[in-house]
Amino acid sequence: MPEALRALHPRSRVAMRFDDMVALHAAVRAGAGVGFLPCFLGDSDADLIRLPGIEPIPYLDIWVVTHPSLRRVPRVRACMAFVGEAIRARAALYTGESFTAAP
């Protein structure tokens, strides 16, 4: 549980743990409670809201990795370039900067 969440809600308890963000997202959508989701999942879901007073904190780095023997193969380079540009074009969604609070 993020420390900021525990500070705002000290009597809260952890009822479930997930090692898969898609499963966590499904549980939160189903009403199981609150969850620490990456911005690109939580902010893009109109049925979820951010908890007030909790600022985005770094989640996990995104890595685009290939085997050294394949990195110069044209189709692999094209795929890596495409994925890299797609991530850069949506950087605000991954960092939480695309979020606009509800009035």
PDB file of N, CA and C in Angstrom:
ATOM      1  N   MET A   1       0.848  -1.171   0.000  1.00  0.00           N
ATOM      2  CA  MET A   1       0.000   0.000   0.000  1.00  0.00           C
ATOM      3  C   MET A   1       0.896   1.236   0.000  1.00  0.00           C
ATOM      4  N   PRO A   2       0.658   2.166  -0.920  1.00  0.00           N
ATOM      5  CA  PRO A   2       1.468   3.394  -0.928  1.00  0.00           C
ATOM      6  C   PRO A   2       1.371   4.126   0.407  1.00  0.00           C
ATOM      7  N   GLU A   3       2.484   4.657   0.866  1.00  0.00           N
ATOM      8  CA  GLU A   3       2.531   5.348   2.156  1.00  0.00           C
ATOM      9  C   GLU A   3       1.552   6.517   2.213  1.00  0.00           C
ATOM     10  N   ALA A   4       1.387   7.240   1.101  1.00  0.00           N
ATOM     11  CA  ALA A   4       0.455   8.376   1.081  1.00  0.00           C
ATOM     12  C   ALA A   4      -0.973   7.908   1.337  1.00  0.00           C
ATOM     13  N   LEU A   5      -1.334   6.756   0.807  1.00  0.00           N
ATOM     14  CA  LEU A   5      -2.675   6.215   1.026  1.00  0.00           C
ATOM     15  C   LEU A   5      -2.846   5.794   2.476  1.00  0.00           C
ATOM     16  N   ARG A   6      -1.845   5.138   3.027  1.00  0.00           N
ATOM     17  CA  ARG A   6      -1.918   4.718   4.431  1.00  0.00           C
ATOM     18  C   ARG A   6      -2.008   5.928   5.361  1.00  0.00           C
ATOM     19  N   ALA A   7      -1.306   7.014   5.027  1.00  0.00           N
ATOM     20  CA  ALA A   7      -1.348   8.223   5.859  1.00  0.00           C
ATOM     21  C   ALA A   7      -2.736   8.854   5.843  1.00  0.00           C
ATOM     22  N   LEU A   8      -3.394   8.865   4.689  1.00  0.00           N
ATOM     23  CA  LEU A   8      -4.733   9.447   4.598  1.00  0.00           C
ATOM     24  C   LEU A   8      -5.821   8.542   5.169  1.00  0.00           C
ATOM     25  N   HIS A   9      -5.585   7.244   5.111  1.00  0.00           N
ATOM     26  CA  HIS A   9      -6.586   6.267   5.558  1.00  0.00           C
ATOM     27  C   HIS A   9      -5.903   5.224   6.452  1.00  0.00           C
ATOM     28  N   PRO A  10      -5.493   5.617   7.665  1.00  0.00           N
ATOM     29  CA  PRO A  10      -4.688   4.728   8.512  1.00  0.00           C
ATOM     30  C   PRO A  10      -5.414   3.458   8.969  1.00  0.00           C
ATOM     31  N   ARG A  11      -6.732   3.460   8.949  1.00  0.00           N
ATOM     32  CA  ARG A  11      -7.467   2.277   9.408  1.00  0.00           C
ATOM     33  C   ARG A  11      -7.801   1.325   8.265  1.00  0.00           C
ATOM     34  N   SER A  12      -7.348   1.652   7.059  1.00  0.00           N
ATOM     35  CA  SER A  12      -7.615   0.760   5.935  1.00  0.00           C
ATOM     36  C   SER A  12      -6.785  -0.514   6.074  1.00  0.00           C
ATOM     37  N   ARG A  13      -7.218  -1.551   5.378  1.00  0.00           N
ATOM     38  CA  ARG A  13      -6.474  -2.807   5.440  1.00  0.00           C
ATOM     39  C   ARG A  13      -6.372  -3.402   4.041  1.00  0.00           C
ATOM     40  N   VAL A  14      -5.367  -4.197   3.850  1.00  0.00           N
ATOM     41  CA  VAL A  14      -5.168  -4.882   2.575  1.00  0.00           C
ATOM     42  C   VAL A  14      -5.984  -6.166   2.623  1.00  0.00           C
ATOM     43  N   ALA A  15      -6.950  -6.287   1.709  1.00  0.00           N
ATOM     44  CA  ALA A  15      -7.809  -7.471   1.662  1.00  0.00           C
ATOM     45  C   ALA A  15      -7.333  -8.483   0.630  1.00  0.00           C
ATOM     46  N   MET A  16      -6.699  -8.002  -0.431  1.00  0.00           N
ATOM     47  CA  MET A  16      -6.205  -8.879  -1.494  1.00  0.00           C
ATOM     48  C   MET A  16      -4.892  -8.335  -2.011  1.00  0.00           C
ATOM     49  N   ARG A  17      -4.090  -9.208  -2.571  1.00  0.00           N
ATOM     50  CA  ARG A  17      -2.836  -8.813  -3.214  1.00  0.00           C
ATOM     51  C   ARG A  17      -2.828  -9.407  -4.616  1.00  0.00           C
ATOM     52  N   PHE A  18      -2.289  -8.644  -5.551  1.00  0.00           N
ATOM     53  CA  PHE A  18      -2.227  -9.081  -6.937  1.00  0.00           C
ATOM     54  C   PHE A  18      -0.811  -8.905  -7.464  1.00  0.00           C
ATOM     55  N   ASP A  19      -0.389  -9.812  -8.311  1.00  0.00           N
ATOM     56  CA  ASP A  19       0.885  -9.639  -8.997  1.00  0.00           C
ATOM     57  C   ASP A  19       0.652  -9.381 -10.486  1.00  0.00           C
ATOM     58  N   ASP A  20      -0.582  -9.014 -10.812  1.00  0.00           N
ATOM     59  CA  ASP A  20      -0.965  -8.766 -12.196  1.00  0.00           C
ATOM     60  C   ASP A  20      -1.855  -7.528 -12.225  1.00  0.00           C
ATOM     61  N   MET A  21      -1.402  -6.470 -12.929  1.00  0.00           N
ATOM     62  CA  MET A  21      -2.164  -5.216 -12.924  1.00  0.00           C
ATOM     63  C   MET A  21      -3.515  -5.346 -13.608  1.00  0.00           C
ATOM     64  N   VAL A  22      -3.653  -6.251 -14.563  1.00  0.00           N
ATOM     65  CA  VAL A  22      -4.934  -6.449 -15.239  1.00  0.00           C
ATOM     66  C   VAL A  22      -5.938  -7.085 -14.270  1.00  0.00           C
ATOM     67  N   ALA A  23      -5.484  -8.035 -13.468  1.00  0.00           N
ATOM     68  CA  ALA A  23      -6.352  -8.654 -12.469  1.00  0.00           C
ATOM     69  C   ALA A  23      -6.743  -7.638 -11.395  1.00  0.00           C
ATOM     70  N   LEU A  24      -5.794  -6.807 -10.967  1.00  0.00           N
ATOM     71  CA  LEU A  24      -6.094  -5.757  -9.994  1.00  0.00           C
ATOM     72  C   LEU A  24      -7.132  -4.788 -10.565  1.00  0.00           C
ATOM     73  N   HIS A  25      -6.948  -4.379 -11.801  1.00  0.00           N
ATOM     74  CA  HIS A  25      -7.888  -3.477 -12.461  1.00  0.00           C
ATOM     75  C   HIS A  25      -9.285  -4.098 -12.479  1.00  0.00           C
ATOM     76  N   ALA A  26      -9.377  -5.379 -12.812  1.00  0.00           N
ATOM     77  CA  ALA A  26     -10.673  -6.060 -12.847  1.00  0.00           C
ATOM     78  C   ALA A  26     -11.307  -6.102 -11.455  1.00  0.00           C
ATOM     79  N   ALA A  27     -10.504  -6.345 -10.424  1.00  0.00           N
ATOM     80  CA  ALA A  27     -11.037  -6.399  -9.060  1.00  0.00           C
ATOM     81  C   ALA A  27     -11.558  -5.035  -8.621  1.00  0.00           C
ATOM     82  N   VAL A  28     -10.825  -3.982  -8.915  1.00  0.00           N
ATOM     83  CA  VAL A  28     -11.269  -2.634  -8.555  1.00  0.00           C
ATOM     84  C   VAL A  28     -12.551  -2.288  -9.304  1.00  0.00           C
ATOM     85  N   ARG A  29     -12.601  -2.600 -10.592  1.00  0.00           N
ATOM     86  CA  ARG A  29     -13.820  -2.353 -11.389  1.00  0.00           C
ATOM     87  C   ARG A  29     -15.015  -3.119 -10.837  1.00  0.00           C
ATOM     88  N   ALA A  30     -14.766  -4.298 -10.279  1.00  0.00           N
ATOM     89  CA  ALA A  30     -15.839  -5.133  -9.743  1.00  0.00           C
ATOM     90  C   ALA A  30     -16.293  -4.674  -8.354  1.00  0.00           C
ATOM     91  N   GLY A  31     -15.610  -3.669  -7.785  1.00  0.00           N
ATOM     92  CA  GLY A  31     -16.023  -3.133  -6.498  1.00  0.00           C
ATOM     93  C   GLY A  31     -15.313  -3.733  -5.303  1.00  0.00           C
ATOM     94  N   ALA A  32     -14.179  -4.391  -5.513  1.00  0.00           N
ATOM     95  CA  ALA A  32     -13.459  -5.040  -4.413  1.00  0.00           C
ATOM     96  C   ALA A  32     -12.770  -4.040  -3.489  1.00  0.00           C
ATOM     97  N   GLY A  33     -12.674  -2.794  -3.901  1.00  0.00           N
ATOM     98  CA  GLY A  33     -12.011  -1.789  -3.071  1.00  0.00           C
ATOM     99  C   GLY A  33     -11.188  -0.855  -3.920  1.00  0.00           C
ATOM    100  N   VAL A  34     -10.179  -0.252  -3.308  1.00  0.00           N
ATOM    101  CA  VAL A  34      -9.287   0.648  -4.031  1.00  0.00           C
ATOM    102  C   VAL A  34      -8.039  -0.118  -4.425  1.00  0.00           C
ATOM    103  N   GLY A  35      -7.361   0.385  -5.434  1.00  0.00           N
ATOM    104  CA  GLY A  35      -6.144  -0.276  -5.876  1.00  0.00           C
ATOM    105  C   GLY A  35      -5.148   0.725  -6.421  1.00  0.00           C
ATOM    106  N   PHE A  36      -3.899   0.385  -6.303  1.00  0.00           N
ATOM    107  CA  PHE A  36      -2.796   1.191  -6.810  1.00  0.00           C
ATOM    108  C   PHE A  36      -2.543   0.754  -8.246  1.00  0.00           C
ATOM    109  N   LEU A  37      -3.132   1.489  -9.184  1.00  0.00           N
ATOM    110  CA  LEU A  37      -3.051   1.143 -10.606  1.00  0.00           C
ATOM    111  C   LEU A  37      -2.130   2.088 -11.355  1.00  0.00           C
ATOM    112  N   PRO A  38      -1.518   1.605 -12.424  1.00  0.00           N
ATOM    113  CA  PRO A  38      -0.778   2.526 -13.286  1.00  0.00           C
ATOM    114  C   PRO A  38      -1.756   3.515 -13.929  1.00  0.00           C
ATOM    115  N   CYS A  39      -1.303   4.734 -14.149  1.00  0.00           N
ATOM    116  CA  CYS A  39      -2.171   5.781 -14.694  1.00  0.00           C
ATOM    117  C   CYS A  39      -2.823   5.390 -16.012  1.00  0.00           C
ATOM    118  N   PHE A  40      -2.081   4.683 -16.883  1.00  0.00           N
ATOM    119  CA  PHE A  40      -2.664   4.350 -18.177  1.00  0.00           C
ATOM    120  C   PHE A  40      -3.862   3.417 -18.045  1.00  0.00           C
ATOM    121  N   LEU A  41      -3.977   2.671 -16.955  1.00  0.00           N
ATOM    122  CA  LEU A  41      -5.166   1.840 -16.741  1.00  0.00           C
ATOM    123  C   LEU A  41      -6.262   2.606 -16.005  1.00  0.00           C
ATOM    124  N   GLY A  42      -5.902   3.227 -14.905  1.00  0.00           N
ATOM    125  CA  GLY A  42      -6.904   3.909 -14.088  1.00  0.00           C
ATOM    126  C   GLY A  42      -7.495   5.141 -14.746  1.00  0.00           C
ATOM    127  N   ASP A  43      -6.645   5.994 -15.302  1.00  0.00           N
ATOM    128  CA  ASP A  43      -7.129   7.243 -15.894  1.00  0.00           C
ATOM    129  C   ASP A  43      -7.929   7.015 -17.165  1.00  0.00           C
ATOM    130  N   SER A  44      -7.664   5.924 -17.864  1.00  0.00           N
ATOM    131  CA  SER A  44      -8.383   5.679 -19.114  1.00  0.00           C
ATOM    132  C   SER A  44      -9.702   4.947 -18.888  1.00  0.00           C
ATOM    133  N   ASP A  45     -10.015   4.616 -17.654  1.00  0.00           N
ATOM    134  CA  ASP A  45     -11.265   3.924 -17.320  1.00  0.00           C
ATOM    135  C   ASP A  45     -12.250   4.921 -16.725  1.00  0.00           C
ATOM    136  N   ALA A  46     -13.283   5.257 -17.483  1.00  0.00           N
ATOM    137  CA  ALA A  46     -14.262   6.263 -17.051  1.00  0.00           C
ATOM    138  C   ALA A  46     -15.046   5.833 -15.811  1.00  0.00           C
ATOM    139  N   ASP A  47     -15.042   4.551 -15.478  1.00  0.00           N
ATOM    140  CA  ASP A  47     -15.778   4.073 -14.311  1.00  0.00           C
ATOM    141  C   ASP A  47     -14.977   4.155 -13.016  1.00  0.00           C
ATOM    142  N   LEU A  48     -13.703   4.552 -13.112  1.00  0.00           N
ATOM    143  CA  LEU A  48     -12.859   4.662 -11.923  1.00  0.00           C
ATOM    144  C   LEU A  48     -12.488   6.112 -11.675  1.00  0.00           C
ATOM    145  N   ILE A  49     -12.233   6.443 -10.419  1.00  0.00           N
ATOM    146  CA  ILE A  49     -11.774   7.784 -10.067  1.00  0.00           C
ATOM    147  C   ILE A  49     -10.516   7.665  -9.207  1.00  0.00           C
ATOM    148  N   ARG A  50      -9.686   8.696  -9.274  1.00  0.00           N
ATOM    149  CA  ARG A  50      -8.524   8.751  -8.387  1.00  0.00           C
ATOM    150  C   ARG A  50      -8.979   9.136  -6.997  1.00  0.00           C
ATOM    151  N   LEU A  51      -8.289   8.614  -6.005  1.00  0.00           N
ATOM    152  CA  LEU A  51      -8.565   9.044  -4.643  1.00  0.00           C
ATOM    153  C   LEU A  51      -8.003  10.441  -4.451  1.00  0.00           C
ATOM    154  N   PRO A  52      -8.778  11.349  -3.881  1.00  0.00           N
ATOM    155  CA  PRO A  52      -8.267  12.702  -3.626  1.00  0.00           C
ATOM    156  C   PRO A  52      -7.076  12.656  -2.668  1.00  0.00           C
ATOM    157  N   GLY A  53      -6.104  13.528  -2.925  1.00  0.00           N
ATOM    158  CA  GLY A  53      -4.958  13.656  -2.042  1.00  0.00           C
ATOM    159  C   GLY A  53      -3.826  12.688  -2.319  1.00  0.00           C
ATOM    160  N   ILE A  54      -3.971  11.835  -3.313  1.00  0.00           N
ATOM    161  CA  ILE A  54      -2.914  10.877  -3.647  1.00  0.00           C
ATOM    162  C   ILE A  54      -2.318  11.286  -4.983  1.00  0.00           C
ATOM    163  N   GLU A  55      -1.083  11.736  -4.950  1.00  0.00           N
ATOM    164  CA  GLU A  55      -0.387  12.125  -6.175  1.00  0.00           C
ATOM    165  C   GLU A  55       0.176  10.885  -6.861  1.00  0.00           C
ATOM    166  N   PRO A  56       0.280  10.911  -8.185  1.00  0.00           N
ATOM    167  CA  PRO A  56       0.902   9.765  -8.867  1.00  0.00           C
ATOM    168  C   PRO A  56       2.332   9.561  -8.378  1.00  0.00           C
ATOM    169  N   ILE A  57       2.687   8.307  -8.197  1.00  0.00           N
ATOM    170  CA  ILE A  57       4.054   7.965  -7.847  1.00  0.00           C
ATOM    171  C   ILE A  57       4.581   6.996  -8.903  1.00  0.00           C
ATOM    172  N   PRO A  58       5.869   6.962  -9.107  1.00  0.00           N
ATOM    173  CA  PRO A  58       6.411   6.067 -10.138  1.00  0.00           C
ATOM    174  C   PRO A  58       5.961   4.623  -9.922  1.00  0.00           C
ATOM    175  N   TYR A  59       5.604   3.977 -10.995  1.00  0.00           N
ATOM    176  CA  TYR A  59       5.156   2.582 -10.941  1.00  0.00           C
ATOM    177  C   TYR A  59       6.331   1.696 -11.336  1.00  0.00           C
ATOM    178  N   LEU A  60       6.395   1.280 -12.555  1.00  0.00           N
ATOM    179  CA  LEU A  60       7.500   0.471 -13.051  1.00  0.00           C
ATOM    180  C   LEU A  60       7.991   1.051 -14.365  1.00  0.00           C
ATOM    181  N   ASP A  61       9.265   0.898 -14.638  1.00  0.00           N
ATOM    182  CA  ASP A  61       9.801   1.331 -15.922  1.00  0.00           C
ATOM    183  C   ASP A  61       9.254   0.456 -17.045  1.00  0.00           C
ATOM    184  N   ILE A  62       9.189   1.022 -18.232  1.00  0.00           N
ATOM    185  CA  ILE A  62       8.806   0.267 -19.425  1.00  0.00           C
ATOM    186  C   ILE A  62      10.081  -0.013 -20.201  1.00  0.00           C
ATOM    187  N   TRP A  63      10.318  -1.263 -20.495  1.00  0.00           N
ATOM    188  CA  TRP A  63      11.505  -1.662 -21.237  1.00  0.00           C
ATOM    189  C   TRP A  63      11.086  -2.259 -22.572  1.00  0.00           C
ATOM    190  N   VAL A  64      11.791  -1.863 -23.607  1.00  0.00           N
ATOM    191  CA  VAL A  64      11.636  -2.496 -24.912  1.00  0.00           C
ATOM    192  C   VAL A  64      12.962  -3.204 -25.164  1.00  0.00           C
ATOM    193  N   VAL A  65      12.937  -4.519 -25.090  1.00  0.00           N
ATOM    194  CA  VAL A  65      14.168  -5.295 -25.099  1.00  0.00           C
ATOM    195  C   VAL A  65      14.144  -6.318 -26.234  1.00  0.00           C
ATOM    196  N   THR A  66      15.291  -6.552 -26.799  1.00  0.00           N
ATOM    197  CA  THR A  66      15.458  -7.604 -27.791  1.00  0.00           C
ATOM    198  C   THR A  66      16.805  -8.278 -27.593  1.00  0.00           C
ATOM    199  N   HIS A  67      16.924  -9.450 -28.110  1.00  0.00           N
ATOM    200  CA  HIS A  67      18.188 -10.179 -28.025  1.00  0.00           C
ATOM    201  C   HIS A  67      19.234  -9.443 -28.863  1.00  0.00           C
ATOM    202  N   PRO A  68      20.471  -9.334 -28.364  1.00  0.00           N
ATOM    203  CA  PRO A  68      21.510  -8.605 -29.108  1.00  0.00           C
ATOM    204  C   PRO A  68      21.693  -9.078 -30.552  1.00  0.00           C
ATOM    205  N   SER A  69      21.486 -10.355 -30.787  1.00  0.00           N
ATOM    206  CA  SER A  69      21.677 -10.862 -32.152  1.00  0.00           C
ATOM    207  C   SER A  69      20.545 -10.448 -33.091  1.00  0.00           C
ATOM    208  N   LEU A  70      19.455  -9.925 -32.557  1.00  0.00           N
ATOM    209  CA  LEU A  70      18.310  -9.545 -33.390  1.00  0.00           C
ATOM    210  C   LEU A  70      18.120  -8.039 -33.530  1.00  0.00           C
ATOM    211  N   ARG A  71      18.828  -7.262 -32.743  1.00  0.00           N
ATOM    212  CA  ARG A  71      18.531  -5.830 -32.707  1.00  0.00           C
ATOM    213  C   ARG A  71      18.831  -5.095 -34.006  1.00  0.00           C
ATOM    214  N   ARG A  72      19.625  -5.664 -34.883  1.00  0.00           N
ATOM    215  CA  ARG A  72      19.918  -5.008 -36.158  1.00  0.00           C
ATOM    216  C   ARG A  72      19.066  -5.560 -37.304  1.00  0.00           C
ATOM    217  N   VAL A  73      18.217  -6.522 -37.044  1.00  0.00           N
ATOM    218  CA  VAL A  73      17.318  -7.065 -38.064  1.00  0.00           C
ATOM    219  C   VAL A  73      16.289  -5.981 -38.394  1.00  0.00           C
ATOM    220  N   PRO A  74      16.111  -5.641 -39.678  1.00  0.00           N
ATOM    221  CA  PRO A  74      15.229  -4.529 -40.040  1.00  0.00           C
ATOM    222  C   PRO A  74      13.818  -4.615 -39.458  1.00  0.00           C
ATOM    223  N   ARG A  75      13.192  -5.767 -39.484  1.00  0.00           N
ATOM    224  CA  ARG A  75      11.820  -5.859 -38.950  1.00  0.00           C
ATOM    225  C   ARG A  75      11.785  -5.660 -37.439  1.00  0.00           C
ATOM    226  N   VAL A  76      12.826  -6.097 -36.739  1.00  0.00           N
ATOM    227  CA  VAL A  76      12.902  -5.901 -35.283  1.00  0.00           C
ATOM    228  C   VAL A  76      13.151  -4.428 -34.989  1.00  0.00           C
ATOM    229  N   ARG A  77      14.047  -3.793 -35.735  1.00  0.00           N
ATOM    230  CA  ARG A  77      14.302  -2.346 -35.556  1.00  0.00           C
ATOM    231  C   ARG A  77      13.036  -1.543 -35.835  1.00  0.00           C
ATOM    232  N   ALA A  78      12.293  -1.922 -36.870  1.00  0.00           N
ATOM    233  CA  ALA A  78      11.048  -1.217 -37.198  1.00  0.00           C
ATOM    234  C   ALA A  78      10.028  -1.371 -36.075  1.00  0.00           C
ATOM    235  N   CYS A  79       9.935  -2.564 -35.535  1.00  0.00           N
ATOM    236  CA  CYS A  79       8.993  -2.801 -34.431  1.00  0.00           C
ATOM    237  C   CYS A  79       9.402  -1.993 -33.199  1.00  0.00           C
ATOM    238  N   MET A  80      10.673  -2.010 -32.856  1.00  0.00           N
ATOM    239  CA  MET A  80      11.145  -1.250 -31.693  1.00  0.00           C
ATOM    240  C   MET A  80      10.928   0.246 -31.882  1.00  0.00           C
ATOM    241  N   ALA A  81      11.167   0.741 -33.086  1.00  0.00           N
ATOM    242  CA  ALA A  81      10.932   2.164 -33.364  1.00  0.00           C
ATOM    243  C   ALA A  81       9.451   2.504 -33.228  1.00  0.00           C
ATOM    244  N   PHE A  82       8.602   1.635 -33.748  1.00  0.00           N
ATOM    245  CA  PHE A  82       7.154   1.856 -33.662  1.00  0.00           C
ATOM    246  C   PHE A  82       6.682   1.878 -32.208  1.00  0.00           C
ATOM    247  N   VAL A  83       7.098   0.883 -31.437  1.00  0.00           N
ATOM    248  CA  VAL A  83       6.692   0.800 -30.028  1.00  0.00           C
ATOM    249  C   VAL A  83       7.235   1.995 -29.250  1.00  0.00           C
ATOM    250  N   GLY A  84       8.493   2.346 -29.475  1.00  0.00           N
ATOM    251  CA  GLY A  84       9.082   3.491 -28.783  1.00  0.00           C
ATOM    252  C   GLY A  84       8.347   4.779 -29.072  1.00  0.00           C
ATOM    253  N   GLU A  85       8.004   5.022 -30.336  1.00  0.00           N
ATOM    254  CA  GLU A  85       7.273   6.237 -30.703  1.00  0.00           C
ATOM    255  C   GLU A  85       5.864   6.228 -30.118  1.00  0.00           C
ATOM    256  N   ALA A  86       5.210   5.076 -30.126  1.00  0.00           N
ATOM    257  CA  ALA A  86       3.859   4.984 -29.556  1.00  0.00           C
ATOM    258  C   ALA A  86       3.877   5.317 -28.063  1.00  0.00           C
ATOM    259  N   ILE A  87       4.889   4.857 -27.365  1.00  0.00           N
ATOM    260  CA  ILE A  87       5.008   5.148 -25.931  1.00  0.00           C
ATOM    261  C   ILE A  87       5.307   6.632 -25.718  1.00  0.00           C
ATOM    262  N   ARG A  88       6.247   7.176 -26.487  1.00  0.00           N
ATOM    263  CA  ARG A  88       6.576   8.612 -26.348  1.00  0.00           C
ATOM    264  C   ARG A  88       5.359   9.486 -26.663  1.00  0.00           C
ATOM    265  N   ALA A  89       4.581   9.112 -27.682  1.00  0.00           N
ATOM    266  CA  ALA A  89       3.414   9.913 -28.071  1.00  0.00           C
ATOM    267  C   ALA A  89       2.341   9.928 -26.974  1.00  0.00           C
ATOM    268  N   ARG A  90       2.353   8.925 -26.123  1.00  0.00           N
ATOM    269  CA  ARG A  90       1.354   8.825 -25.053  1.00  0.00           C
ATOM    270  C   ARG A  90       1.999   8.965 -23.678  1.00  0.00           C
ATOM    271  N   ALA A  91       3.133   9.616 -23.617  1.00  0.00           N
ATOM    272  CA  ALA A  91       3.896   9.719 -22.368  1.00  0.00           C
ATOM    273  C   ALA A  91       3.056  10.292 -21.232  1.00  0.00           C
ATOM    274  N   ALA A  92       2.217  11.276 -21.509  1.00  0.00           N
ATOM    275  CA  ALA A  92       1.413  11.894 -20.453  1.00  0.00           C
ATOM    276  C   ALA A  92       0.449  10.890 -19.818  1.00  0.00           C
ATOM    277  N   LEU A  93      -0.018   9.933 -20.587  1.00  0.00           N
ATOM    278  CA  LEU A  93      -0.909   8.907 -20.052  1.00  0.00           C
ATOM    279  C   LEU A  93      -0.157   7.972 -19.103  1.00  0.00           C
ATOM    280  N   TYR A  94       1.108   7.714 -19.389  1.00  0.00           N
ATOM    281  CA  TYR A  94       1.903   6.827 -18.547  1.00  0.00           C
ATOM    282  C   TYR A  94       2.411   7.524 -17.291  1.00  0.00           C
ATOM    283  N   THR A  95       2.574   8.836 -17.333  1.00  0.00           N
ATOM    284  CA  THR A  95       3.098   9.572 -16.180  1.00  0.00           C
ATOM    285  C   THR A  95       2.007  10.189 -15.314  1.00  0.00           C
ATOM    286  N   GLY A  96       0.761  10.111 -15.763  1.00  0.00           N
ATOM    287  CA  GLY A  96      -0.346  10.679 -15.005  1.00  0.00           C
ATOM    288  C   GLY A  96      -0.624  12.131 -15.327  1.00  0.00           C
ATOM    289  N   GLU A  97       0.121  12.715 -16.257  1.00  0.00           N
ATOM    290  CA  GLU A  97      -0.053  14.123 -16.598  1.00  0.00           C
ATOM    291  C   GLU A  97      -1.293  14.378 -17.452  1.00  0.00           C
ATOM    292  N   SER A  98      -1.884  13.315 -18.017  1.00  0.00           N
ATOM    293  CA  SER A  98      -3.062  13.514 -18.863  1.00  0.00           C
ATOM    294  C   SER A  98      -4.335  13.594 -18.028  1.00  0.00           C
ATOM    295  N   PHE A  99      -4.220  13.368 -16.738  1.00  0.00           N
ATOM    296  CA  PHE A  99      -5.384  13.341 -15.856  1.00  0.00           C
ATOM    297  C   PHE A  99      -5.955  14.737 -15.650  1.00  0.00           C
ATOM    298  N   THR A 100      -7.270  14.840 -15.734  1.00  0.00           N
ATOM    299  CA  THR A 100      -7.975  16.064 -15.362  1.00  0.00           C
ATOM    300  C   THR A 100      -9.004  15.691 -14.321  1.00  0.00           C
ATOM    301  N   ALA A 101      -8.951  16.351 -13.194  1.00  0.00           N
ATOM    302  CA  ALA A 101      -9.871  16.045 -12.105  1.00  0.00           C
ATOM    303  C   ALA A 101     -11.294  16.420 -12.472  1.00  0.00           C
ATOM    304  N   ALA A 102     -12.228  15.650 -11.969  1.00  0.00           N
ATOM    305  CA  ALA A 102     -13.645  15.935 -12.178  1.00  0.00           C
ATOM    306  C   ALA A 102     -14.006  17.214 -11.422  1.00  0.00           C
ATOM    307  N   PRO A 103     -14.924  18.023 -11.975  1.00  0.00           N
ATOM    308  CA  PRO A 103     -15.300  19.274 -11.289  1.00  0.00           C
ATOM    309  C   PRO A 103     -15.976  19.030  -9.969  1.00  0.00           C
TER     310      PRO A 103
END
